[in-house]
Amino acid sequence: MEVTIQVPEDIAHQIQEKWGQDIPRHVLESVALECFRKRILGESQLRRLLGFETRFEVHAFLKQHEVPFYTLEDLEHDRKALDQLAL
């Protein structure tokens, strides 16, 4: 799917000053981060969307943007699963 957005020229210039010429990549990364934060996308989907080869690249990307890839909720879920396996 291709998505097009309209940005006023003055705002586009302001964004270009901050992000450089690759605005589409920055927008894609911003959407991907938000979708990951809201658990719309998982780690493997994020990897595919952003064209990373490995999950370690995904982890580095998330760390760079201060987004945890393993949350306390994940830990609690894993603990419960381990408890059930131990029975």
N, C-alpha and C. Protein backbone atom coordinates (compact mmCIF):
# COMPACT_ATOMS: atom_id res chain seq x y z
N MET A 1 0.85 -1.16 0.00
CA MET A 1 0.00 0.00 0.00
C MET A 1 0.90 1.24 0.00
N GLU A 2 0.51 2.18 -0.76
CA GLU A 2 1.23 3.45 -0.78
C GLU A 2 0.36 4.49 -0.10
N VAL A 3 0.98 5.30 0.74
CA VAL A 3 0.27 6.34 1.47
C VAL A 3 0.90 7.68 1.13
N THR A 4 0.06 8.66 0.83
CA THR A 4 0.53 10.00 0.51
C THR A 4 -0.06 10.98 1.52
N ILE A 5 0.79 11.90 1.99
CA ILE A 5 0.29 12.94 2.88
C ILE A 5 0.66 14.30 2.31
N GLN A 6 -0.15 15.27 2.61
CA GLN A 6 0.10 16.63 2.16
C GLN A 6 0.64 17.44 3.34
N VAL A 7 1.76 18.11 3.13
CA VAL A 7 2.38 18.93 4.16
C VAL A 7 2.61 20.32 3.57
N PRO A 8 2.17 21.36 4.27
CA PRO A 8 2.43 22.71 3.78
C PRO A 8 3.93 22.93 3.57
N GLU A 9 4.28 23.67 2.54
CA GLU A 9 5.67 23.86 2.15
C GLU A 9 6.55 24.39 3.29
N ASP A 10 6.04 25.37 4.03
CA ASP A 10 6.87 25.94 5.10
C ASP A 10 7.17 24.90 6.18
N ILE A 11 6.20 24.06 6.47
CA ILE A 11 6.41 23.00 7.46
C ILE A 11 7.33 21.93 6.88
N ALA A 12 7.17 21.61 5.62
CA ALA A 12 8.05 20.63 4.97
C ALA A 12 9.50 21.08 5.02
N HIS A 13 9.75 22.36 4.79
CA HIS A 13 11.12 22.90 4.86
C HIS A 13 11.67 22.80 6.28
N GLN A 14 10.82 23.08 7.25
CA GLN A 14 11.23 22.99 8.65
C GLN A 14 11.59 21.54 9.01
N ILE A 15 10.78 20.60 8.54
CA ILE A 15 11.06 19.18 8.79
C ILE A 15 12.34 18.76 8.09
N GLN A 16 12.54 19.22 6.86
CA GLN A 16 13.75 18.88 6.11
C GLN A 16 15.00 19.38 6.82
N GLU A 17 14.92 20.54 7.43
CA GLU A 17 16.07 21.07 8.15
C GLU A 17 16.47 20.14 9.29
N LYS A 18 15.49 19.53 9.92
CA LYS A 18 15.75 18.63 11.06
C LYS A 18 16.10 17.22 10.59
N TRP A 19 15.36 16.68 9.62
CA TRP A 19 15.49 15.29 9.21
C TRP A 19 16.30 15.07 7.94
N GLY A 20 16.57 16.11 7.19
CA GLY A 20 17.26 15.93 5.92
C GLY A 20 16.26 15.60 4.82
N GLN A 21 16.75 15.00 3.76
CA GLN A 21 15.92 14.75 2.58
C GLN A 21 15.03 13.51 2.70
N ASP A 22 15.36 12.60 3.59
CA ASP A 22 14.63 11.33 3.63
C ASP A 22 13.43 11.38 4.58
N ILE A 23 12.54 12.31 4.32
CA ILE A 23 11.34 12.47 5.15
C ILE A 23 10.48 11.21 5.11
N PRO A 24 10.25 10.58 3.96
CA PRO A 24 9.42 9.37 3.96
C PRO A 24 9.94 8.28 4.91
N ARG A 25 11.26 8.11 4.99
CA ARG A 25 11.82 7.10 5.90
C ARG A 25 11.54 7.48 7.36
N HIS A 26 11.70 8.74 7.69
CA HIS A 26 11.44 9.19 9.06
C HIS A 26 9.96 9.03 9.42
N VAL A 27 9.10 9.32 8.48
CA VAL A 27 7.66 9.15 8.74
C VAL A 27 7.35 7.67 8.94
N LEU A 28 7.91 6.81 8.09
CA LEU A 28 7.71 5.37 8.22
C LEU A 28 8.21 4.88 9.58
N GLU A 29 9.40 5.32 9.99
CA GLU A 29 9.93 4.91 11.28
C GLU A 29 9.05 5.40 12.42
N SER A 30 8.53 6.61 12.32
CA SER A 30 7.66 7.15 13.36
C SER A 30 6.37 6.33 13.48
N VAL A 31 5.79 6.00 12.35
CA VAL A 31 4.57 5.17 12.36
C VAL A 31 4.89 3.79 12.92
N ALA A 32 6.00 3.22 12.50
CA ALA A 32 6.39 1.89 12.97
C ALA A 32 6.60 1.88 14.49
N LEU A 33 7.27 2.90 15.00
CA LEU A 33 7.48 2.99 16.45
C LEU A 33 6.17 3.09 17.21
N GLU A 34 5.27 3.92 16.72
CA GLU A 34 3.98 4.08 17.39
C GLU A 34 3.18 2.77 17.35
N CYS A 35 3.21 2.09 16.23
CA CYS A 35 2.50 0.82 16.12
C CYS A 35 3.11 -0.23 17.04
N PHE A 36 4.42 -0.21 17.20
CA PHE A 36 5.06 -1.15 18.11
C PHE A 36 4.70 -0.82 19.56
N ARG A 37 4.75 0.46 19.90
CA ARG A 37 4.40 0.89 21.26
C ARG A 37 2.98 0.47 21.63
N LYS A 38 2.06 0.58 20.67
CA LYS A 38 0.65 0.26 20.92
C LYS A 38 0.35 -1.22 20.70
N ARG A 39 1.40 -1.99 20.41
CA ARG A 39 1.28 -3.43 20.18
C ARG A 39 0.40 -3.78 18.98
N ILE A 40 0.39 -2.89 18.01
CA ILE A 40 -0.28 -3.18 16.74
C ILE A 40 0.63 -4.06 15.89
N LEU A 41 1.93 -3.79 15.98
CA LEU A 41 2.94 -4.59 15.27
C LEU A 41 3.85 -5.26 16.27
N GLY A 42 4.27 -6.47 15.93
CA GLY A 42 5.24 -7.18 16.74
C GLY A 42 6.64 -6.95 16.20
N GLU A 43 7.60 -7.56 16.87
CA GLU A 43 9.00 -7.37 16.52
C GLU A 43 9.31 -7.83 15.09
N SER A 44 8.80 -8.99 14.70
CA SER A 44 9.11 -9.49 13.35
C SER A 44 8.46 -8.63 12.27
N GLN A 45 7.27 -8.12 12.55
CA GLN A 45 6.62 -7.23 11.58
C GLN A 45 7.38 -5.91 11.46
N LEU A 46 7.87 -5.41 12.60
CA LEU A 46 8.67 -4.19 12.59
C LEU A 46 9.94 -4.39 11.77
N ARG A 47 10.55 -5.55 11.94
CA ARG A 47 11.76 -5.88 11.18
C ARG A 47 11.49 -5.87 9.68
N ARG A 48 10.39 -6.50 9.27
CA ARG A 48 10.04 -6.54 7.84
C ARG A 48 9.71 -5.16 7.31
N LEU A 49 8.91 -4.42 8.07
CA LEU A 49 8.47 -3.08 7.63
C LEU A 49 9.65 -2.15 7.40
N LEU A 50 10.63 -2.22 8.28
CA LEU A 50 11.76 -1.30 8.19
C LEU A 50 12.96 -1.88 7.43
N GLY A 51 12.83 -3.13 6.98
CA GLY A 51 13.88 -3.73 6.16
C GLY A 51 15.12 -4.13 6.92
N PHE A 52 14.98 -4.46 8.20
CA PHE A 52 16.13 -4.92 8.97
C PHE A 52 16.37 -6.40 8.71
N GLU A 53 17.63 -6.80 8.73
CA GLU A 53 18.00 -8.19 8.48
C GLU A 53 17.78 -9.06 9.72
N THR A 54 18.07 -8.52 10.89
CA THR A 54 18.03 -9.32 12.11
C THR A 54 17.21 -8.64 13.19
N ARG A 55 16.83 -9.43 14.19
CA ARG A 55 16.11 -8.86 15.32
C ARG A 55 17.01 -7.97 16.15
N PHE A 56 18.34 -8.19 16.07
CA PHE A 56 19.27 -7.34 16.82
C PHE A 56 19.27 -5.91 16.26
N GLU A 57 19.06 -5.79 14.96
CA GLU A 57 18.93 -4.46 14.36
C GLU A 57 17.66 -3.78 14.86
N VAL A 58 16.59 -4.57 15.01
CA VAL A 58 15.33 -4.04 15.56
C VAL A 58 15.56 -3.57 16.98
N HIS A 59 16.24 -4.39 17.78
CA HIS A 59 16.50 -4.02 19.17
C HIS A 59 17.33 -2.74 19.25
N ALA A 60 18.33 -2.61 18.40
CA ALA A 60 19.16 -1.40 18.38
C ALA A 60 18.32 -0.19 17.99
N PHE A 61 17.45 -0.36 17.00
CA PHE A 61 16.57 0.73 16.57
C PHE A 61 15.64 1.16 17.71
N LEU A 62 15.05 0.18 18.39
CA LEU A 62 14.16 0.50 19.50
C LEU A 62 14.92 1.18 20.64
N LYS A 63 16.11 0.68 20.93
CA LYS A 63 16.93 1.29 21.98
C LYS A 63 17.29 2.73 21.63
N GLN A 64 17.64 2.95 20.37
CA GLN A 64 17.99 4.30 19.91
C GLN A 64 16.83 5.27 20.13
N HIS A 65 15.61 4.76 20.02
CA HIS A 65 14.42 5.60 20.18
C HIS A 65 13.78 5.46 21.56
N GLU A 66 14.54 4.82 22.46
CA GLU A 66 14.13 4.66 23.86
C GLU A 66 12.76 3.97 24.01
N VAL A 67 12.57 2.93 23.20
CA VAL A 67 11.35 2.13 23.25
C VAL A 67 11.74 0.73 23.75
N PRO A 68 11.24 0.34 24.92
CA PRO A 68 11.59 -1.00 25.42
C PRO A 68 10.99 -2.09 24.53
N PHE A 69 11.79 -3.12 24.25
CA PHE A 69 11.27 -4.22 23.44
C PHE A 69 10.89 -5.41 24.30
N TYR A 70 11.18 -5.34 25.60
CA TYR A 70 10.75 -6.37 26.54
C TYR A 70 10.25 -5.63 27.77
N THR A 71 8.95 -5.69 27.99
CA THR A 71 8.33 -4.90 29.04
C THR A 71 8.08 -5.73 30.29
N LEU A 72 7.67 -5.05 31.34
CA LEU A 72 7.29 -5.76 32.57
C LEU A 72 6.11 -6.70 32.31
N GLU A 73 5.21 -6.30 31.44
CA GLU A 73 4.09 -7.17 31.06
C GLU A 73 4.61 -8.45 30.40
N ASP A 74 5.61 -8.30 29.55
CA ASP A 74 6.21 -9.48 28.91
C ASP A 74 6.82 -10.40 29.95
N LEU A 75 7.52 -9.82 30.92
CA LEU A 75 8.14 -10.61 31.97
C LEU A 75 7.09 -11.36 32.79
N GLU A 76 6.02 -10.67 33.14
CA GLU A 76 4.95 -11.31 33.92
C GLU A 76 4.31 -12.45 33.12
N HIS A 77 4.08 -12.21 31.85
CA HIS A 77 3.52 -13.26 30.98
C HIS A 77 4.45 -14.46 30.94
N ASP A 78 5.75 -14.22 30.79
CA ASP A 78 6.71 -15.32 30.73
C ASP A 78 6.78 -16.06 32.06
N ARG A 79 6.68 -15.34 33.16
CA ARG A 79 6.69 -15.99 34.48
C ARG A 79 5.48 -16.91 34.64
N LYS A 80 4.30 -16.44 34.24
CA LYS A 80 3.10 -17.27 34.33
C LYS A 80 3.22 -18.52 33.46
N ALA A 81 3.75 -18.35 32.27
CA ALA A 81 3.93 -19.49 31.37
C ALA A 81 4.91 -20.49 31.96
N LEU A 82 5.98 -20.00 32.56
CA LEU A 82 6.94 -20.89 33.18
C LEU A 82 6.34 -21.62 34.38
N ASP A 83 5.54 -20.90 35.18
CA ASP A 83 4.87 -21.54 36.31
C ASP A 83 3.96 -22.67 35.84
N GLN A 84 3.25 -22.46 34.75
CA GLN A 84 2.33 -23.48 34.24
C GLN A 84 3.11 -24.69 33.72
N LEU A 85 4.25 -24.45 33.12
CA LEU A 85 5.08 -25.56 32.63
C LEU A 85 5.67 -26.37 33.78
N ALA A 86 5.92 -25.72 34.89
CA ALA A 86 6.56 -26.38 36.03
C ALA A 86 5.58 -27.30 36.76
N LEU A 87 4.28 -27.15 36.52
CA LEU A 87 3.28 -27.98 37.19
C LEU A 87 3.33 -29.37 36.72
